[in-house]
Amino acid sequence: MDQTPRLVESKVKFFLKGALQHSNKTKNLYISWIYNVVLAILFILILGGFLFYKYKGRLTPIEREAKKRREYQHVLIQIKKLQMANQKTTGNMFTNLPVNHNLV
């Protein structure tokens, strides 16, 4: 009495096993497609963001020239202010003698 009772026929068992394998392959195919698409979109977004950041960070030659001109004007204005302040403190006289306006 080595035979045990079989609850499912061998043909039905074979059919269900094949159906489960097919559905497993289909499920894995869909999951891998979704995974690859999401990773590709994420990669494109990160790469695009990085390139956009790098592109916007650089100045064009016209902008560079304008910035250089503004810095040059700023330095000239500061030098002019310094010269005027220095001239007010030392006066226009060569000898630094006080001015006497009552000498007429």
Protein backbone atom coordinates (compact mmCIF):
# COMPACT_ATOMS: atom_id res chain seq x y z
CA MET A 1 0.00 0.00 0.00
CA ASP A 2 2.51 2.45 -1.12
CA GLN A 3 0.03 4.53 -3.09
CA THR A 4 -1.20 7.70 -1.50
CA PRO A 5 -4.44 9.27 -2.62
CA ARG A 6 -4.06 12.01 -5.23
CA LEU A 7 -6.35 14.97 -4.76
CA VAL A 8 -5.54 16.55 -8.16
CA GLU A 9 -5.15 14.79 -11.46
CA SER A 10 -1.75 14.97 -13.10
CA LYS A 11 -3.07 16.83 -16.21
CA VAL A 12 -4.72 19.53 -14.09
CA LYS A 13 -1.59 19.82 -12.00
CA PHE A 14 0.53 20.20 -15.16
CA PHE A 15 -1.88 22.81 -16.58
CA LEU A 16 -1.91 24.89 -13.36
CA LYS A 17 1.88 24.72 -13.09
CA GLY A 18 2.24 26.00 -16.67
CA ALA A 19 -0.33 28.75 -16.08
CA LEU A 20 1.44 29.87 -12.90
CA GLN A 21 4.83 29.90 -14.63
CA HIS A 22 3.40 31.93 -17.51
CA SER A 23 1.76 34.45 -15.17
CA ASN A 24 5.00 34.68 -13.16
CA LYS A 25 7.00 35.43 -16.34
CA THR A 26 4.44 38.03 -17.42
CA LYS A 27 4.45 39.66 -13.99
CA ASN A 28 8.26 39.81 -13.92
CA LEU A 29 8.29 41.24 -17.44
CA TYR A 30 5.88 44.03 -16.47
CA ILE A 31 7.75 44.77 -13.26
CA SER A 32 11.09 44.97 -15.06
CA TRP A 33 9.61 47.26 -17.75
CA ILE A 34 8.13 49.58 -15.13
CA TYR A 35 11.37 49.53 -13.14
CA ASN A 36 13.46 50.34 -16.22
CA VAL A 37 11.15 53.15 -17.35
CA VAL A 38 11.13 54.75 -13.89
CA LEU A 39 14.92 54.54 -13.64
CA ALA A 40 15.34 55.97 -17.15
CA ILE A 41 13.05 58.91 -16.33
CA LEU A 42 14.86 59.48 -13.04
CA PHE A 43 18.24 59.37 -14.79
CA ILE A 44 17.07 61.82 -17.46
CA LEU A 45 15.68 64.20 -14.84
CA ILE A 46 18.86 64.13 -12.76
CA LEU A 47 21.11 64.53 -15.79
CA GLY A 48 18.90 67.28 -17.23
CA GLY A 49 18.82 69.11 -13.90
CA PHE A 50 22.57 68.92 -13.56
CA LEU A 51 23.16 70.17 -17.11
CA PHE A 52 20.61 72.97 -16.67
CA TYR A 53 22.29 74.04 -13.42
CA LYS A 54 25.71 74.06 -15.08
CA TYR A 55 24.40 75.93 -18.14
CA LYS A 56 22.68 78.63 -16.11
CA GLY A 57 25.73 79.05 -13.89
CA ARG A 58 27.96 80.32 -16.68
CA LEU A 59 27.93 83.86 -17.94
CA THR A 60 27.78 84.66 -21.60
CA PRO A 61 30.58 86.79 -23.04
CA ILE A 62 28.26 89.83 -23.12
CA GLU A 63 27.27 89.32 -19.47
CA ARG A 64 30.92 88.83 -18.53
CA GLU A 65 31.85 92.12 -20.22
CA ALA A 66 28.98 93.96 -18.52
CA LYS A 67 30.00 92.57 -15.12
CA LYS A 68 33.61 93.58 -15.72
CA ARG A 69 32.47 97.08 -16.72
CA ARG A 70 30.30 97.41 -13.57
CA GLU A 71 33.21 96.31 -11.36
CA TYR A 72 35.53 98.77 -13.10
CA GLN A 73 33.01 101.62 -12.65
CA HIS A 74 32.58 100.67 -8.99
CA VAL A 75 36.34 100.78 -8.41
CA LEU A 76 36.59 104.16 -10.15
CA ILE A 77 33.77 105.59 -8.04
CA GLN A 78 35.41 104.35 -4.86
CA ILE A 79 38.75 105.89 -5.88
CA LYS A 80 37.01 109.18 -6.70
CA LYS A 81 35.27 109.21 -3.30
CA LEU A 82 38.54 108.47 -1.56
CA GLN A 83 40.32 111.27 -3.43
CA MET A 84 37.53 113.76 -2.59
CA ALA A 85 37.59 112.78 1.08
CA ASN A 86 41.36 113.08 1.12
CA GLN A 87 41.17 116.47 -0.60
CA LYS A 88 38.65 117.78 1.94
CA THR A 89 40.79 116.76 4.88
CA THR A 90 44.08 118.11 3.54
CA GLY A 91 42.64 121.13 1.72
CA ASN A 92 43.79 122.60 -1.56
CA MET A 93 46.68 124.51 -0.09
CA PHE A 94 50.21 123.40 -0.59
CA THR A 95 51.41 124.58 2.82
CA ASN A 96 48.38 123.55 4.86
CA LEU A 97 48.19 127.03 6.43
CA PRO A 98 44.79 128.20 7.67
CA VAL A 99 42.89 130.46 5.29
CA ASN A 100 42.44 134.04 6.45
CA HIS A 101 39.57 135.76 4.62
CA ASN A 102 39.98 139.14 6.37
CA LEU A 103 42.98 140.22 4.34
CA VAL A 104 41.44 142.79 2.07
